[in-house]
C-alpha cells in the first residue's frame, strides 16, 4: 500500500494531502486542521467534502461543519 503526505496549494493557502491506498484526504491547517475532503479515488466516491466554491476566508469565518457534509449515494 502506497502512503504519502505532502503540502499543496488550495486557493492561496497551504493544505496537507494524505494518500493511503485508494483513499485521499485534504487537511486544512488554516482552518483548525479540519478535513476539507476525504475520497476513495479508485471508486471515485467523495466520503466527506466542503463546498468547493468556498474560499479559505469563508471557511475560516465558519469553523464548524455548516459548510461540510457527508456524501451518500
C-alpha atoms as a PDB file:
ATOM      1  CA  UNK A   1       0.000   0.000   0.000  1.00  0.00           C
ATOM      2  CA  UNK A   2       1.391   3.367  -1.031  1.00  0.00           C
ATOM      3  CA  UNK A   3       1.199   6.111   1.612  1.00  0.00           C
ATOM      4  CA  UNK A   4       2.254   9.735   1.034  1.00  0.00           C
ATOM      5  CA  UNK A   5       1.912  13.110   2.704  1.00  0.00           C
ATOM      6  CA  UNK A   6       2.664  16.427   1.033  1.00  0.00           C
ATOM      7  CA  UNK A   7       1.705  20.073   1.157  1.00  0.00           C
ATOM      8  CA  UNK A   8      -0.347  21.580  -1.664  1.00  0.00           C
ATOM      9  CA  UNK A   9      -1.750  25.000  -2.501  1.00  0.00           C
ATOM     10  CA  UNK A  10      -5.506  25.401  -2.024  1.00  0.00           C
ATOM     11  CA  UNK A  11      -6.675  28.775  -3.334  1.00  0.00           C
ATOM     12  CA  UNK A  12      -3.593  30.508  -1.912  1.00  0.00           C
ATOM     13  CA  UNK A  13      -3.477  28.624   1.414  1.00  0.00           C
ATOM     14  CA  UNK A  14      -1.361  25.621   2.336  1.00  0.00           C
ATOM     15  CA  UNK A  15      -3.136  22.294   2.780  1.00  0.00           C
ATOM     16  CA  UNK A  16      -1.858  18.826   3.545  1.00  0.00           C
ATOM     17  CA  UNK A  17      -2.718  15.980   1.216  1.00  0.00           C
ATOM     18  CA  UNK A  18      -2.647  12.482   2.711  1.00  0.00           C
ATOM     19  CA  UNK A  19      -2.897   9.460   0.446  1.00  0.00           C
ATOM     20  CA  UNK A  20      -3.056   5.853   1.596  1.00  0.00           C
ATOM     21  CA  UNK A  21      -4.002   3.187  -0.895  1.00  0.00           C
ATOM     22  CA  UNK A  22      -7.206   4.275  -2.585  1.00  0.00           C
ATOM     23  CA  UNK A  23      -8.016   6.985  -0.025  1.00  0.00           C
ATOM     24  CA  UNK A  24      -7.125  10.678  -0.216  1.00  0.00           C
ATOM     25  CA  UNK A  25      -7.726  13.369   2.397  1.00  0.00           C
ATOM     26  CA  UNK A  26      -7.121  17.119   2.355  1.00  0.00           C
ATOM     27  CA  UNK A  27      -6.368  18.692   5.741  1.00  0.00           C
ATOM     28  CA  UNK A  28      -6.642  22.481   6.197  1.00  0.00           C
ATOM     29  CA  UNK A  29      -4.225  23.854   8.824  1.00  0.00           C
ATOM     30  CA  UNK A  30      -5.609  27.352   8.146  1.00  0.00           C
ATOM     31  CA  UNK A  31      -8.990  26.159   9.379  1.00  0.00           C
ATOM     32  CA  UNK A  32      -8.117  24.388  12.612  1.00  0.00           C
ATOM     33  CA  UNK A  33      -6.714  21.353  10.771  1.00  0.00           C
ATOM     34  CA  UNK A  34     -10.187  20.315   9.676  1.00  0.00           C
ATOM     35  CA  UNK A  35     -10.640  17.709   6.976  1.00  0.00           C
ATOM     36  CA  UNK A  36     -11.608  19.507   3.787  1.00  0.00           C
ATOM     37  CA  UNK A  37     -12.212  16.390   1.716  1.00  0.00           C
ATOM     38  CA  UNK A  38     -11.973  12.629   2.020  1.00  0.00           C
ATOM     39  CA  UNK A  39     -12.441  10.423  -1.002  1.00  0.00           C
ATOM     40  CA  UNK A  40     -11.944   6.952  -2.412  1.00  0.00           C
ATOM     41  CA  UNK A  41     -10.088   7.614  -5.646  1.00  0.00           C
ATOM     42  CA  UNK A  42     -10.472   4.080  -7.038  1.00  0.00           C
ATOM     43  CA  UNK A  43     -14.251   4.229  -6.811  1.00  0.00           C
ATOM     44  CA  UNK A  44     -14.434   7.988  -7.488  1.00  0.00           C
ATOM     45  CA  UNK A  45     -16.525   8.494  -4.344  1.00  0.00           C
ATOM     46  CA  UNK A  46     -16.462  11.520  -2.034  1.00  0.00           C
ATOM     47  CA  UNK A  47     -16.904  10.380   1.560  1.00  0.00           C
ATOM     48  CA  UNK A  48     -16.806  13.870   3.013  1.00  0.00           C
ATOM     49  CA  UNK A  49     -16.202  17.300   1.471  1.00  0.00           C
ATOM     50  CA  UNK A  50     -16.541  21.025   1.967  1.00  0.00           C
ATOM     51  CA  UNK A  51     -18.332  23.141  -0.594  1.00  0.00           C
ATOM     52  CA  UNK A  52     -15.573  23.630  -3.218  1.00  0.00           C
ATOM     53  CA  UNK A  53     -16.894  27.086  -4.132  1.00  0.00           C
ATOM     54  CA  UNK A  54     -15.970  28.498  -0.689  1.00  0.00           C
ATOM     55  CA  UNK A  55     -12.769  30.488  -0.335  1.00  0.00           C
ATOM     56  CA  UNK A  56     -10.305  29.966   2.531  1.00  0.00           C
ATOM     57  CA  UNK A  57     -11.555  33.252   4.076  1.00  0.00           C
ATOM     58  CA  UNK A  58     -15.141  31.955   4.053  1.00  0.00           C
ATOM     59  CA  UNK A  59     -14.043  28.661   5.587  1.00  0.00           C
ATOM     60  CA  UNK A  60     -12.072  30.486   8.313  1.00  0.00           C
ATOM     61  CA  UNK A  61     -15.144  32.581   9.163  1.00  0.00           C
ATOM     62  CA  UNK A  62     -17.202  29.436   9.685  1.00  0.00           C
ATOM     63  CA  UNK A  63     -15.071  26.954  11.628  1.00  0.00           C
ATOM     64  CA  UNK A  64     -17.713  24.319  12.064  1.00  0.00           C
ATOM     65  CA  UNK A  65     -19.479  21.725   9.969  1.00  0.00           C
ATOM     66  CA  UNK A  66     -22.096  24.010   8.414  1.00  0.00           C
ATOM     67  CA  UNK A  67     -20.145  24.076   5.150  1.00  0.00           C
ATOM     68  CA  UNK A  68     -19.234  20.393   5.138  1.00  0.00           C
ATOM     69  CA  UNK A  69     -21.396  17.394   4.614  1.00  0.00           C
ATOM     70  CA  UNK A  70     -21.095  13.637   4.246  1.00  0.00           C
ATOM     71  CA  UNK A  71     -21.861  12.397   0.775  1.00  0.00           C
ATOM     72  CA  UNK A  72     -24.170   9.432   0.464  1.00  0.00           C
ATOM     73  CA  UNK A  73     -25.402   7.591  -2.616  1.00  0.00           C
END
